[in-house]
Amino acid sequence: MNSRFKHAVAFMAASALFLSLNPASAADQPNNVSTTTPASHASARAANRQLAKAVQTALYKQKGLVSEDLHVIARSGKISLVGEVPDQMQIDLAGKVAEGVTGVSSVKNNLTVEDVGR
C-alpha cells in the first residue's frame, strides 16, 4: 500500500470516527439553532486538540512503540486511535499509554496490524 493511500485511508477512518463520536448535527436542532456559543465551541475544539496532542506526545515518547502511522482523535475526553502498527503488542501498548494520559476518560482502539506482504 503506498503512503498516499495509507494516509487517505487513515483520514477517512478518522473522519468516520469523529462523526460517530458527534452524531448530532445542526439539522437535529430545532430551527437549526446551535446549543453552544461560538466561544464555547472554539474552547471545546481547543481542548480536544490539546488532549489529542498530549496523547500523541505520550505515544511518541513511549519506548518500543512504533508511532509513525498512529493517529489520535479526541472528543470530550474520549480518545480514538487509528492507524497501523507492526503487531498486536503495539496495539495493546498504545491503548495502555493513551489510557494513562491525564484527561482521557475512554479509549477506542481502532489500530490494526499492518499487512507486511504488500
N, C-alpha and C. Protein backbone atom coordinates (compact mmCIF):
# COMPACT_ATOMS: atom_id res chain seq x y z
N MET A 1 0.86 -1.18 0.00
CA MET A 1 0.00 0.00 0.00
C MET A 1 0.90 1.23 0.00
N ASN A 2 0.69 2.15 -0.93
CA ASN A 2 1.55 3.31 -0.96
C ASN A 2 1.18 4.29 0.17
N SER A 3 2.10 5.17 0.45
CA SER A 3 1.94 6.10 1.57
C SER A 3 0.73 7.02 1.40
N ARG A 4 0.51 7.51 0.21
CA ARG A 4 -0.61 8.42 -0.04
C ARG A 4 -1.94 7.72 0.23
N PHE A 5 -2.07 6.48 -0.22
CA PHE A 5 -3.29 5.71 0.00
C PHE A 5 -3.48 5.44 1.49
N LYS A 6 -2.41 5.09 2.19
CA LYS A 6 -2.50 4.81 3.62
C LYS A 6 -2.97 6.06 4.38
N HIS A 7 -2.47 7.21 4.01
CA HIS A 7 -2.88 8.45 4.68
C HIS A 7 -4.34 8.77 4.36
N ALA A 8 -4.77 8.51 3.14
CA ALA A 8 -6.16 8.75 2.77
C ALA A 8 -7.08 7.83 3.57
N VAL A 9 -6.69 6.58 3.71
CA VAL A 9 -7.49 5.63 4.49
C VAL A 9 -7.54 6.06 5.95
N ALA A 10 -6.41 6.48 6.51
CA ALA A 10 -6.38 6.94 7.90
C ALA A 10 -7.25 8.17 8.07
N PHE A 11 -7.22 9.09 7.11
CA PHE A 11 -8.05 10.29 7.20
C PHE A 11 -9.53 9.93 7.16
N MET A 12 -9.90 9.01 6.26
CA MET A 12 -11.31 8.62 6.17
C MET A 12 -11.75 7.92 7.45
N ALA A 13 -10.89 7.09 8.02
CA ALA A 13 -11.24 6.40 9.27
C ALA A 13 -11.38 7.42 10.39
N ALA A 14 -10.47 8.39 10.44
CA ALA A 14 -10.54 9.42 11.47
C ALA A 14 -11.81 10.25 11.31
N SER A 15 -12.17 10.57 10.09
CA SER A 15 -13.39 11.34 9.84
C SER A 15 -14.62 10.56 10.27
N ALA A 16 -14.65 9.28 9.94
CA ALA A 16 -15.79 8.45 10.33
C ALA A 16 -15.89 8.34 11.84
N LEU A 17 -14.74 8.21 12.51
CA LEU A 17 -14.76 8.13 13.97
C LEU A 17 -15.24 9.43 14.57
N PHE A 18 -14.79 10.55 14.03
CA PHE A 18 -15.22 11.84 14.55
C PHE A 18 -16.73 11.98 14.42
N LEU A 19 -17.26 11.60 13.27
CA LEU A 19 -18.70 11.70 13.06
C LEU A 19 -19.46 10.75 13.97
N SER A 20 -18.88 9.58 14.25
CA SER A 20 -19.56 8.65 15.14
C SER A 20 -19.55 9.14 16.58
N LEU A 21 -18.54 9.93 16.93
CA LEU A 21 -18.48 10.49 18.29
C LEU A 21 -19.34 11.73 18.42
N ASN A 22 -19.74 12.33 17.28
CA ASN A 22 -20.52 13.56 17.28
C ASN A 22 -21.72 13.37 16.36
N PRO A 23 -22.69 12.51 16.73
CA PRO A 23 -23.78 12.21 15.82
C PRO A 23 -24.77 13.35 15.64
N ALA A 24 -24.86 14.27 16.60
CA ALA A 24 -25.82 15.37 16.48
C ALA A 24 -25.32 16.38 15.47
N SER A 25 -26.21 16.82 14.61
CA SER A 25 -25.83 17.84 13.65
C SER A 25 -26.75 19.04 13.82
N ALA A 26 -26.47 20.09 13.09
CA ALA A 26 -27.31 21.29 13.18
C ALA A 26 -28.74 20.98 12.76
N ALA A 27 -28.91 20.02 11.85
CA ALA A 27 -30.26 19.67 11.40
C ALA A 27 -31.07 19.01 12.52
N ASP A 28 -30.40 18.44 13.51
CA ASP A 28 -31.08 17.81 14.63
C ASP A 28 -31.62 18.83 15.63
N GLN A 29 -31.15 20.05 15.56
CA GLN A 29 -31.55 21.09 16.48
C GLN A 29 -32.82 21.77 15.95
N PRO A 30 -33.75 22.14 16.84
CA PRO A 30 -34.95 22.84 16.37
C PRO A 30 -34.57 24.17 15.71
N ASN A 31 -35.15 24.43 14.56
CA ASN A 31 -34.91 25.66 13.81
C ASN A 31 -33.43 25.88 13.50
N ASN A 32 -32.65 24.79 13.47
CA ASN A 32 -31.21 24.88 13.19
C ASN A 32 -30.48 25.83 14.13
N VAL A 33 -30.91 25.92 15.37
CA VAL A 33 -30.26 26.78 16.35
C VAL A 33 -29.24 25.94 17.11
N SER A 34 -28.02 26.43 17.15
CA SER A 34 -26.96 25.72 17.87
C SER A 34 -27.14 25.89 19.36
N THR A 35 -26.82 24.82 20.12
CA THR A 35 -26.95 24.89 21.57
C THR A 35 -25.68 25.39 22.23
N THR A 36 -24.62 25.60 21.46
CA THR A 36 -23.38 26.11 22.03
C THR A 36 -23.05 27.45 21.40
N THR A 37 -22.39 28.28 22.16
CA THR A 37 -21.96 29.56 21.63
C THR A 37 -20.67 29.36 20.87
N PRO A 38 -20.36 30.26 19.95
CA PRO A 38 -19.10 30.10 19.21
C PRO A 38 -17.88 30.05 20.11
N ALA A 39 -17.89 30.82 21.20
CA ALA A 39 -16.74 30.81 22.10
C ALA A 39 -16.59 29.47 22.79
N SER A 40 -17.70 28.88 23.25
CA SER A 40 -17.60 27.59 23.94
C SER A 40 -17.24 26.48 22.94
N HIS A 41 -17.73 26.60 21.72
CA HIS A 41 -17.39 25.63 20.69
C HIS A 41 -15.89 25.69 20.38
N ALA A 42 -15.38 26.91 20.28
CA ALA A 42 -13.96 27.10 20.00
C ALA A 42 -13.11 26.58 21.15
N SER A 43 -13.54 26.82 22.37
CA SER A 43 -12.75 26.35 23.52
C SER A 43 -12.80 24.83 23.62
N ALA A 44 -13.93 24.21 23.26
CA ALA A 44 -14.02 22.75 23.26
C ALA A 44 -13.10 22.17 22.20
N ARG A 45 -13.08 22.78 21.01
CA ARG A 45 -12.17 22.31 19.96
C ARG A 45 -10.72 22.45 20.38
N ALA A 46 -10.40 23.56 21.04
CA ALA A 46 -9.03 23.77 21.52
C ALA A 46 -8.66 22.71 22.56
N ALA A 47 -9.58 22.41 23.46
CA ALA A 47 -9.33 21.38 24.48
C ALA A 47 -9.14 20.02 23.83
N ASN A 48 -9.94 19.71 22.80
CA ASN A 48 -9.80 18.44 22.09
C ASN A 48 -8.44 18.35 21.39
N ARG A 49 -8.03 19.44 20.76
CA ARG A 49 -6.71 19.47 20.10
C ARG A 49 -5.59 19.27 21.11
N GLN A 50 -5.72 19.94 22.26
CA GLN A 50 -4.69 19.85 23.30
C GLN A 50 -4.59 18.43 23.84
N LEU A 51 -5.73 17.79 24.08
CA LEU A 51 -5.72 16.42 24.59
C LEU A 51 -5.16 15.46 23.54
N ALA A 52 -5.56 15.62 22.29
CA ALA A 52 -5.03 14.76 21.22
C ALA A 52 -3.52 14.91 21.12
N LYS A 53 -3.04 16.14 21.26
CA LYS A 53 -1.60 16.38 21.19
C LYS A 53 -0.89 15.74 22.37
N ALA A 54 -1.49 15.81 23.56
CA ALA A 54 -0.88 15.20 24.75
C ALA A 54 -0.79 13.69 24.58
N VAL A 55 -1.82 13.07 24.04
CA VAL A 55 -1.82 11.62 23.82
C VAL A 55 -0.80 11.28 22.74
N GLN A 56 -0.78 12.04 21.65
CA GLN A 56 0.18 11.78 20.57
C GLN A 56 1.61 11.89 21.09
N THR A 57 1.87 12.88 21.93
CA THR A 57 3.21 13.06 22.51
C THR A 57 3.57 11.87 23.39
N ALA A 58 2.63 11.43 24.22
CA ALA A 58 2.88 10.28 25.10
C ALA A 58 3.19 9.03 24.26
N LEU A 59 2.46 8.85 23.17
CA LEU A 59 2.70 7.70 22.29
C LEU A 59 4.08 7.80 21.64
N TYR A 60 4.43 8.99 21.21
CA TYR A 60 5.71 9.21 20.55
C TYR A 60 6.87 8.94 21.51
N LYS A 61 6.71 9.33 22.77
CA LYS A 61 7.77 9.17 23.77
C LYS A 61 7.89 7.75 24.31
N GLN A 62 6.88 6.92 24.10
CA GLN A 62 6.88 5.56 24.64
C GLN A 62 7.94 4.71 23.93
N LYS A 63 8.91 4.24 24.70
CA LYS A 63 9.95 3.39 24.12
C LYS A 63 9.34 2.09 23.61
N GLY A 64 9.78 1.67 22.44
CA GLY A 64 9.32 0.42 21.87
C GLY A 64 8.03 0.52 21.06
N LEU A 65 7.42 1.68 21.03
CA LEU A 65 6.17 1.85 20.28
C LEU A 65 6.45 2.51 18.94
N VAL A 66 6.03 1.87 17.87
CA VAL A 66 6.18 2.41 16.52
C VAL A 66 4.97 3.32 16.28
N SER A 67 5.22 4.63 16.19
CA SER A 67 4.10 5.57 16.16
C SER A 67 4.01 6.39 14.88
N GLU A 68 4.71 6.00 13.82
CA GLU A 68 4.69 6.78 12.58
C GLU A 68 3.31 6.83 11.94
N ASP A 69 2.57 5.74 11.98
CA ASP A 69 1.25 5.68 11.33
C ASP A 69 0.16 5.50 12.39
N LEU A 70 0.28 6.27 13.45
CA LEU A 70 -0.65 6.18 14.57
C LEU A 70 -1.24 7.57 14.79
N HIS A 71 -2.56 7.69 14.71
CA HIS A 71 -3.22 8.99 14.79
C HIS A 71 -4.22 9.01 15.94
N VAL A 72 -4.39 10.19 16.52
CA VAL A 72 -5.24 10.35 17.70
C VAL A 72 -6.36 11.33 17.39
N ILE A 73 -7.57 10.96 17.79
CA ILE A 73 -8.72 11.85 17.69
C ILE A 73 -9.27 12.00 19.10
N ALA A 74 -9.50 13.23 19.53
CA ALA A 74 -10.03 13.49 20.87
C ALA A 74 -11.37 14.19 20.77
N ARG A 75 -12.28 13.78 21.63
CA ARG A 75 -13.61 14.41 21.68
C ARG A 75 -14.12 14.31 23.10
N SER A 76 -14.06 15.41 23.83
CA SER A 76 -14.59 15.48 25.20
C SER A 76 -14.01 14.39 26.10
N GLY A 77 -12.71 14.18 26.03
CA GLY A 77 -12.05 13.20 26.87
C GLY A 77 -12.01 11.80 26.29
N LYS A 78 -12.78 11.57 25.24
CA LYS A 78 -12.81 10.26 24.59
C LYS A 78 -11.76 10.25 23.48
N ILE A 79 -10.91 9.25 23.51
CA ILE A 79 -9.81 9.15 22.55
C ILE A 79 -10.08 8.00 21.59
N SER A 80 -9.83 8.22 20.32
CA SER A 80 -9.85 7.16 19.31
C SER A 80 -8.46 7.08 18.70
N LEU A 81 -7.94 5.88 18.62
CA LEU A 81 -6.65 5.64 18.00
C LEU A 81 -6.90 4.96 16.65
N VAL A 82 -6.29 5.48 15.60
CA VAL A 82 -6.42 4.91 14.26
C VAL A 82 -5.04 4.81 13.62
N GLY A 83 -4.91 3.86 12.73
CA GLY A 83 -3.65 3.68 12.01
C GLY A 83 -3.22 2.23 12.01
N GLU A 84 -1.98 2.02 11.60
CA GLU A 84 -1.42 0.68 11.51
C GLU A 84 -0.14 0.59 12.32
N VAL A 85 0.05 -0.55 12.97
CA VAL A 85 1.26 -0.85 13.73
C VAL A 85 1.72 -2.25 13.35
N PRO A 86 2.98 -2.59 13.69
CA PRO A 86 3.52 -3.89 13.25
C PRO A 86 2.86 -5.14 13.85
N ASP A 87 2.39 -5.07 15.10
CA ASP A 87 1.84 -6.29 15.72
C ASP A 87 0.85 -5.96 16.83
N GLN A 88 0.19 -7.00 17.34
CA GLN A 88 -0.84 -6.83 18.37
C GLN A 88 -0.28 -6.23 19.66
N MET A 89 0.97 -6.55 19.99
CA MET A 89 1.58 -5.98 21.20
C MET A 89 1.62 -4.45 21.12
N GLN A 90 1.87 -3.93 19.93
CA GLN A 90 1.90 -2.48 19.72
C GLN A 90 0.51 -1.88 19.93
N ILE A 91 -0.52 -2.57 19.49
CA ILE A 91 -1.90 -2.11 19.67
C ILE A 91 -2.21 -2.01 21.15
N ASP A 92 -1.87 -3.08 21.89
CA ASP A 92 -2.13 -3.11 23.33
C ASP A 92 -1.36 -2.02 24.06
N LEU A 93 -0.08 -1.84 23.70
CA LEU A 93 0.76 -0.83 24.34
C LEU A 93 0.22 0.57 24.07
N ALA A 94 -0.16 0.85 22.85
CA ALA A 94 -0.70 2.17 22.51
C ALA A 94 -1.97 2.47 23.31
N GLY A 95 -2.84 1.48 23.46
CA GLY A 95 -4.05 1.66 24.25
C GLY A 95 -3.74 1.97 25.70
N LYS A 96 -2.78 1.25 26.30
CA LYS A 96 -2.41 1.48 27.69
C LYS A 96 -1.81 2.88 27.88
N VAL A 97 -0.95 3.28 26.95
CA VAL A 97 -0.33 4.60 27.05
C VAL A 97 -1.39 5.69 26.96
N ALA A 98 -2.31 5.55 26.02
CA ALA A 98 -3.38 6.56 25.85
C ALA A 98 -4.24 6.64 27.10
N GLU A 99 -4.58 5.50 27.70
CA GLU A 99 -5.41 5.49 28.91
C GLU A 99 -4.72 6.20 30.07
N GLY A 100 -3.40 6.22 30.07
CA GLY A 100 -2.65 6.82 31.17
C GLY A 100 -2.49 8.33 31.09
N VAL A 101 -2.94 8.94 30.02
CA VAL A 101 -2.79 10.39 29.86
C VAL A 101 -3.89 11.11 30.65
N THR A 102 -3.50 12.11 31.41
CA THR A 102 -4.44 12.89 32.20
C THR A 102 -5.48 13.54 31.28
N GLY A 103 -6.75 13.40 31.65
CA GLY A 103 -7.83 13.98 30.87
C GLY A 103 -8.54 12.99 29.97
N VAL A 104 -7.97 11.81 29.81
CA VAL A 104 -8.59 10.78 28.96
C VAL A 104 -9.61 10.01 29.78
N SER A 105 -10.85 10.00 29.31
CA SER A 105 -11.90 9.27 30.02
C SER A 105 -12.13 7.88 29.42
N SER A 106 -11.87 7.71 28.13
CA SER A 106 -12.00 6.40 27.50
C SER A 106 -11.15 6.35 26.24
N VAL A 107 -10.82 5.13 25.83
CA VAL A 107 -10.02 4.94 24.62
C VAL A 107 -10.70 3.91 23.74
N LYS A 108 -10.94 4.29 22.48
CA LYS A 108 -11.44 3.36 21.48
C LYS A 108 -10.25 3.05 20.57
N ASN A 109 -9.75 1.83 20.67
CA ASN A 109 -8.54 1.46 19.97
C ASN A 109 -8.90 0.80 18.63
N ASN A 110 -8.77 1.56 17.55
CA ASN A 110 -9.07 1.08 16.21
C ASN A 110 -7.79 0.83 15.40
N LEU A 111 -6.69 0.59 16.09
CA LEU A 111 -5.44 0.30 15.40
C LEU A 111 -5.53 -1.09 14.77
N THR A 112 -4.82 -1.25 13.67
CA THR A 112 -4.78 -2.54 13.00
C THR A 112 -3.32 -2.94 12.78
N VAL A 113 -3.11 -4.23 12.61
CA VAL A 113 -1.78 -4.75 12.31
C VAL A 113 -1.54 -4.55 10.81
N GLU A 114 -0.42 -3.93 10.48
CA GLU A 114 -0.14 -3.64 9.08
C GLU A 114 0.11 -4.92 8.30
N ASP A 115 -0.30 -4.91 7.06
CA ASP A 115 -0.13 -6.03 6.17
C ASP A 115 1.26 -5.93 5.54
N VAL A 116 2.18 -6.75 6.00
CA VAL A 116 3.57 -6.66 5.58
C VAL A 116 3.77 -7.17 4.16
N GLY A 117 2.92 -8.04 3.67
CA GLY A 117 3.09 -8.66 2.37
C GLY A 117 2.88 -7.77 1.18
N ARG A 118 2.41 -6.56 1.35
CA ARG A 118 2.12 -5.71 0.19
C ARG A 118 3.21 -4.76 -0.12
